[in-house]
Amino acid sequence: MLNGPLTEPSGGTLYFDGDASLQTLQETLRLMGVYETMDYVAFGNSSSDPISERYLDQMRLVSHSALASIFGATTSEPPPQQRLHALAAVCAFAAAQRSKE
């Protein structure tokens, strides 16, 4: 999960300092083409060795259509409804990471 789709405008990895405001983060994500959509599934992972792996936790948001077309995933049940749109989910994740400092 460390590597994102580098060839997609709204994909890849975004690095920023810990003091970047959540508003700046949201504006940056908008510039990258991340939409305020509820059409996604969130995957997460926590590092078992943060020093060598260089992260505490990570999150990847994947649209429902990409699950099928890119990853070949199928499901017999409807996906769960998200409570936050994609931009808010990323900001909530960033805020949770900051609380671990």
N, C-alpha and C. Protein backbone atom coordinates (compact mmCIF):
# COMPACT_ATOMS: atom_id res chain seq x y z
N MET A 1 0.81 -1.21 0.00
CA MET A 1 0.00 0.00 0.00
C MET A 1 0.84 1.26 0.00
N LEU A 2 2.13 1.15 0.08
CA LEU A 2 2.96 2.35 0.15
C LEU A 2 2.94 3.16 -1.14
N ASN A 3 2.83 2.52 -2.28
CA ASN A 3 2.93 3.23 -3.55
C ASN A 3 1.56 3.53 -4.12
N GLY A 4 1.38 4.75 -4.58
CA GLY A 4 0.12 5.16 -5.18
C GLY A 4 0.24 5.17 -6.70
N PRO A 5 -0.88 5.37 -7.39
CA PRO A 5 -0.86 5.43 -8.86
C PRO A 5 -0.25 6.75 -9.33
N LEU A 6 1.03 6.74 -9.58
CA LEU A 6 1.77 7.97 -9.87
C LEU A 6 1.36 8.63 -11.18
N THR A 7 0.75 7.88 -12.09
CA THR A 7 0.38 8.46 -13.38
C THR A 7 -0.99 9.11 -13.37
N GLU A 8 -1.72 9.00 -12.29
CA GLU A 8 -3.04 9.61 -12.17
C GLU A 8 -2.93 10.97 -11.49
N PRO A 9 -3.65 12.00 -11.99
CA PRO A 9 -3.55 13.33 -11.37
C PRO A 9 -3.94 13.34 -9.90
N SER A 10 -4.89 12.51 -9.52
CA SER A 10 -5.32 12.50 -8.11
C SER A 10 -4.73 11.33 -7.35
N GLY A 11 -3.67 10.74 -7.89
CA GLY A 11 -3.03 9.60 -7.24
C GLY A 11 -1.64 9.96 -6.76
N GLY A 12 -1.00 8.99 -6.19
CA GLY A 12 0.36 9.20 -5.74
C GLY A 12 0.43 9.44 -4.25
N THR A 13 1.58 9.91 -3.84
CA THR A 13 1.83 10.16 -2.43
C THR A 13 2.04 11.64 -2.21
N LEU A 14 1.41 12.16 -1.20
CA LEU A 14 1.53 13.58 -0.87
C LEU A 14 2.30 13.70 0.44
N TYR A 15 3.42 14.41 0.39
CA TYR A 15 4.22 14.65 1.59
C TYR A 15 4.04 16.10 2.01
N PHE A 16 3.86 16.33 3.30
CA PHE A 16 3.72 17.69 3.80
C PHE A 16 4.21 17.73 5.24
N ASP A 17 4.61 18.93 5.67
CA ASP A 17 5.08 19.11 7.04
C ASP A 17 3.93 18.95 8.02
N GLY A 18 4.26 18.60 9.23
CA GLY A 18 3.25 18.40 10.26
C GLY A 18 2.50 19.65 10.64
N ASP A 19 3.04 20.82 10.31
CA ASP A 19 2.34 22.05 10.68
C ASP A 19 1.48 22.61 9.56
N ALA A 20 1.32 21.89 8.45
CA ALA A 20 0.41 22.33 7.39
C ALA A 20 -1.01 22.28 7.92
N SER A 21 -1.77 23.33 7.68
CA SER A 21 -3.15 23.36 8.18
C SER A 21 -4.02 22.39 7.40
N LEU A 22 -5.11 21.95 8.03
CA LEU A 22 -6.04 21.06 7.35
C LEU A 22 -6.68 21.76 6.15
N GLN A 23 -6.85 23.07 6.24
CA GLN A 23 -7.39 23.83 5.11
C GLN A 23 -6.41 23.77 3.93
N THR A 24 -5.13 23.93 4.19
CA THR A 24 -4.12 23.83 3.13
C THR A 24 -4.12 22.43 2.53
N LEU A 25 -4.25 21.42 3.37
CA LEU A 25 -4.31 20.05 2.89
C LEU A 25 -5.52 19.86 1.97
N GLN A 26 -6.69 20.33 2.38
CA GLN A 26 -7.89 20.21 1.54
C GLN A 26 -7.72 20.93 0.22
N GLU A 27 -7.16 22.13 0.25
CA GLU A 27 -6.95 22.88 -0.99
C GLU A 27 -5.98 22.16 -1.92
N THR A 28 -4.95 21.57 -1.37
CA THR A 28 -3.98 20.82 -2.17
C THR A 28 -4.64 19.61 -2.81
N LEU A 29 -5.45 18.90 -2.04
CA LEU A 29 -6.14 17.73 -2.58
C LEU A 29 -7.11 18.13 -3.69
N ARG A 30 -7.78 19.26 -3.53
CA ARG A 30 -8.66 19.75 -4.60
C ARG A 30 -7.88 20.03 -5.87
N LEU A 31 -6.69 20.66 -5.73
CA LEU A 31 -5.85 20.94 -6.89
C LEU A 31 -5.41 19.64 -7.59
N MET A 32 -5.25 18.58 -6.80
CA MET A 32 -4.85 17.29 -7.37
C MET A 32 -6.02 16.59 -8.06
N GLY A 33 -7.23 17.10 -7.88
CA GLY A 33 -8.40 16.48 -8.50
C GLY A 33 -9.15 15.52 -7.62
N VAL A 34 -8.91 15.57 -6.31
CA VAL A 34 -9.66 14.71 -5.38
C VAL A 34 -11.02 15.37 -5.14
N TYR A 35 -12.07 14.61 -5.36
CA TYR A 35 -13.43 15.15 -5.26
C TYR A 35 -14.05 14.89 -3.89
N GLU A 36 -15.09 15.66 -3.60
CA GLU A 36 -15.85 15.44 -2.38
C GLU A 36 -16.89 14.35 -2.65
N THR A 37 -16.39 13.17 -2.86
CA THR A 37 -17.25 12.04 -3.20
C THR A 37 -17.41 11.10 -2.02
N MET A 38 -18.52 10.42 -2.01
CA MET A 38 -18.74 9.37 -1.01
C MET A 38 -18.56 8.00 -1.64
N ASP A 39 -18.17 7.98 -2.91
CA ASP A 39 -18.03 6.76 -3.69
C ASP A 39 -16.61 6.21 -3.58
N TYR A 40 -16.29 5.65 -2.43
CA TYR A 40 -14.96 5.08 -2.23
C TYR A 40 -14.99 4.04 -1.13
N VAL A 41 -13.96 3.23 -1.13
CA VAL A 41 -13.71 2.28 -0.06
C VAL A 41 -12.36 2.66 0.53
N ALA A 42 -12.24 2.62 1.83
CA ALA A 42 -10.99 2.98 2.50
C ALA A 42 -10.28 1.71 2.98
N PHE A 43 -8.98 1.66 2.69
CA PHE A 43 -8.12 0.59 3.18
C PHE A 43 -7.07 1.22 4.07
N GLY A 44 -6.76 0.58 5.17
CA GLY A 44 -5.77 1.13 6.07
C GLY A 44 -4.82 0.06 6.59
N ASN A 45 -3.69 0.53 7.07
CA ASN A 45 -2.70 -0.38 7.63
C ASN A 45 -1.87 0.40 8.65
N SER A 46 -1.47 -0.28 9.70
CA SER A 46 -0.56 0.30 10.69
C SER A 46 0.77 -0.41 10.61
N SER A 47 1.83 0.34 10.73
CA SER A 47 3.17 -0.22 10.64
C SER A 47 3.50 -1.02 11.90
N SER A 48 4.16 -2.14 11.70
CA SER A 48 4.65 -2.90 12.85
C SER A 48 6.06 -2.44 13.23
N ASP A 49 6.69 -1.67 12.34
CA ASP A 49 8.03 -1.15 12.58
C ASP A 49 8.14 0.25 11.99
N PRO A 50 7.56 1.27 12.66
CA PRO A 50 7.49 2.62 12.09
C PRO A 50 8.84 3.24 11.76
N ILE A 51 9.88 2.90 12.48
CA ILE A 51 11.19 3.51 12.23
C ILE A 51 11.74 3.06 10.88
N SER A 52 11.72 1.78 10.61
CA SER A 52 12.27 1.31 9.33
C SER A 52 11.29 1.50 8.18
N GLU A 53 9.99 1.39 8.45
CA GLU A 53 9.00 1.55 7.38
C GLU A 53 8.64 3.01 7.11
N ARG A 54 8.99 3.88 8.03
CA ARG A 54 8.83 5.34 7.91
C ARG A 54 7.37 5.81 7.83
N TYR A 55 6.48 5.12 8.51
CA TYR A 55 5.11 5.59 8.66
C TYR A 55 4.50 4.96 9.90
N LEU A 56 3.48 5.64 10.46
CA LEU A 56 2.72 5.05 11.56
C LEU A 56 1.54 4.26 11.00
N ASP A 57 0.71 4.97 10.29
CA ASP A 57 -0.48 4.39 9.67
C ASP A 57 -0.57 4.92 8.25
N GLN A 58 -1.28 4.19 7.41
CA GLN A 58 -1.53 4.68 6.07
C GLN A 58 -2.95 4.35 5.67
N MET A 59 -3.46 5.15 4.75
CA MET A 59 -4.83 4.96 4.28
C MET A 59 -4.84 5.14 2.78
N ARG A 60 -5.58 4.30 2.10
CA ARG A 60 -5.76 4.42 0.65
C ARG A 60 -7.25 4.44 0.37
N LEU A 61 -7.68 5.43 -0.40
CA LEU A 61 -9.07 5.53 -0.82
C LEU A 61 -9.16 5.08 -2.27
N VAL A 62 -10.07 4.17 -2.57
CA VAL A 62 -10.24 3.64 -3.91
C VAL A 62 -11.71 3.74 -4.27
N SER A 63 -12.00 4.29 -5.45
CA SER A 63 -13.40 4.38 -5.88
C SER A 63 -13.96 2.99 -6.13
N HIS A 64 -15.29 2.89 -6.03
CA HIS A 64 -15.92 1.59 -6.27
C HIS A 64 -15.66 1.10 -7.69
N SER A 65 -15.68 2.01 -8.66
CA SER A 65 -15.45 1.58 -10.05
C SER A 65 -14.02 1.09 -10.23
N ALA A 66 -13.05 1.72 -9.56
CA ALA A 66 -11.65 1.27 -9.66
C ALA A 66 -11.46 -0.10 -9.02
N LEU A 67 -12.22 -0.39 -7.98
CA LEU A 67 -12.11 -1.72 -7.36
C LEU A 67 -12.37 -2.81 -8.38
N ALA A 68 -13.40 -2.59 -9.21
CA ALA A 68 -13.75 -3.60 -10.20
C ALA A 68 -12.85 -3.52 -11.42
N SER A 69 -12.66 -2.32 -11.98
CA SER A 69 -11.95 -2.21 -13.25
C SER A 69 -10.43 -2.37 -13.11
N ILE A 70 -9.84 -1.87 -12.08
CA ILE A 70 -8.38 -1.95 -11.93
C ILE A 70 -7.96 -3.17 -11.11
N PHE A 71 -8.66 -3.40 -10.00
CA PHE A 71 -8.25 -4.46 -9.09
C PHE A 71 -9.01 -5.78 -9.29
N GLY A 72 -10.05 -5.75 -10.12
CA GLY A 72 -10.81 -6.96 -10.40
C GLY A 72 -11.61 -7.47 -9.23
N ALA A 73 -11.90 -6.61 -8.27
CA ALA A 73 -12.66 -7.03 -7.08
C ALA A 73 -14.14 -7.16 -7.42
N THR A 74 -14.77 -8.14 -6.86
CA THR A 74 -16.22 -8.32 -7.00
C THR A 74 -16.81 -8.44 -5.61
N THR A 75 -18.06 -8.08 -5.52
CA THR A 75 -18.74 -8.17 -4.22
C THR A 75 -20.18 -8.60 -4.45
N SER A 76 -20.71 -9.38 -3.54
CA SER A 76 -22.10 -9.82 -3.65
C SER A 76 -23.01 -8.93 -2.82
N GLU A 77 -22.43 -8.07 -2.00
CA GLU A 77 -23.22 -7.19 -1.15
C GLU A 77 -22.88 -5.74 -1.47
N PRO A 78 -23.83 -4.83 -1.26
CA PRO A 78 -23.51 -3.43 -1.49
C PRO A 78 -22.43 -2.95 -0.52
N PRO A 79 -21.54 -2.08 -0.98
CA PRO A 79 -20.49 -1.59 -0.08
C PRO A 79 -21.09 -0.73 1.03
N PRO A 80 -20.41 -0.65 2.16
CA PRO A 80 -20.92 0.19 3.25
C PRO A 80 -20.92 1.66 2.84
N GLN A 81 -21.85 2.39 3.37
CA GLN A 81 -21.94 3.83 3.10
C GLN A 81 -20.88 4.56 3.92
N GLN A 82 -20.16 5.46 3.27
CA GLN A 82 -19.17 6.27 3.97
C GLN A 82 -19.87 7.39 4.73
N ARG A 83 -19.29 7.80 5.85
CA ARG A 83 -19.84 8.91 6.64
C ARG A 83 -19.17 10.23 6.31
N LEU A 84 -17.99 10.18 5.68
CA LEU A 84 -17.25 11.38 5.31
C LEU A 84 -16.94 11.34 3.83
N HIS A 85 -17.01 12.51 3.16
CA HIS A 85 -16.56 12.53 1.78
C HIS A 85 -15.04 12.39 1.77
N ALA A 86 -14.47 12.11 0.61
CA ALA A 86 -13.05 11.76 0.50
C ALA A 86 -12.13 12.82 1.10
N LEU A 87 -12.38 14.09 0.81
CA LEU A 87 -11.51 15.15 1.36
C LEU A 87 -11.57 15.18 2.89
N ALA A 88 -12.78 15.06 3.43
CA ALA A 88 -12.92 15.08 4.89
C ALA A 88 -12.28 13.85 5.52
N ALA A 89 -12.34 12.70 4.82
CA ALA A 89 -11.73 11.48 5.35
C ALA A 89 -10.21 11.63 5.44
N VAL A 90 -9.59 12.23 4.41
CA VAL A 90 -8.15 12.43 4.44
C VAL A 90 -7.76 13.40 5.55
N CYS A 91 -8.54 14.47 5.72
CA CYS A 91 -8.24 15.43 6.79
C CYS A 91 -8.43 14.81 8.17
N ALA A 92 -9.45 13.99 8.34
CA ALA A 92 -9.65 13.30 9.62
C ALA A 92 -8.49 12.34 9.90
N PHE A 93 -8.01 11.66 8.86
CA PHE A 93 -6.87 10.77 9.01
C PHE A 93 -5.63 11.57 9.43
N ALA A 94 -5.39 12.71 8.76
CA ALA A 94 -4.24 13.54 9.10
C ALA A 94 -4.33 14.04 10.54
N ALA A 95 -5.53 14.44 10.97
CA ALA A 95 -5.71 14.92 12.34
C ALA A 95 -5.44 13.79 13.34
N ALA A 96 -5.89 12.58 13.02
CA ALA A 96 -5.64 11.44 13.91
C ALA A 96 -4.15 11.13 14.01
N GLN A 97 -3.44 11.26 12.89
CA GLN A 97 -1.99 11.03 12.91
C GLN A 97 -1.29 12.08 13.76
N ARG A 98 -1.72 13.32 13.65
CA ARG A 98 -1.12 14.39 14.45
C ARG A 98 -1.31 14.15 15.94
N SER A 99 -2.44 13.56 16.31
CA SER A 99 -2.70 13.31 17.72
C SER A 99 -1.74 12.26 18.30
N LYS A 100 -1.05 11.53 17.45
CA LYS A 100 -0.11 10.50 17.89
C LYS A 100 1.29 11.07 18.13
N GLU A 101 1.50 12.33 17.79
CA GLU A 101 2.84 12.93 17.95
C GLU A 101 3.21 13.06 19.40
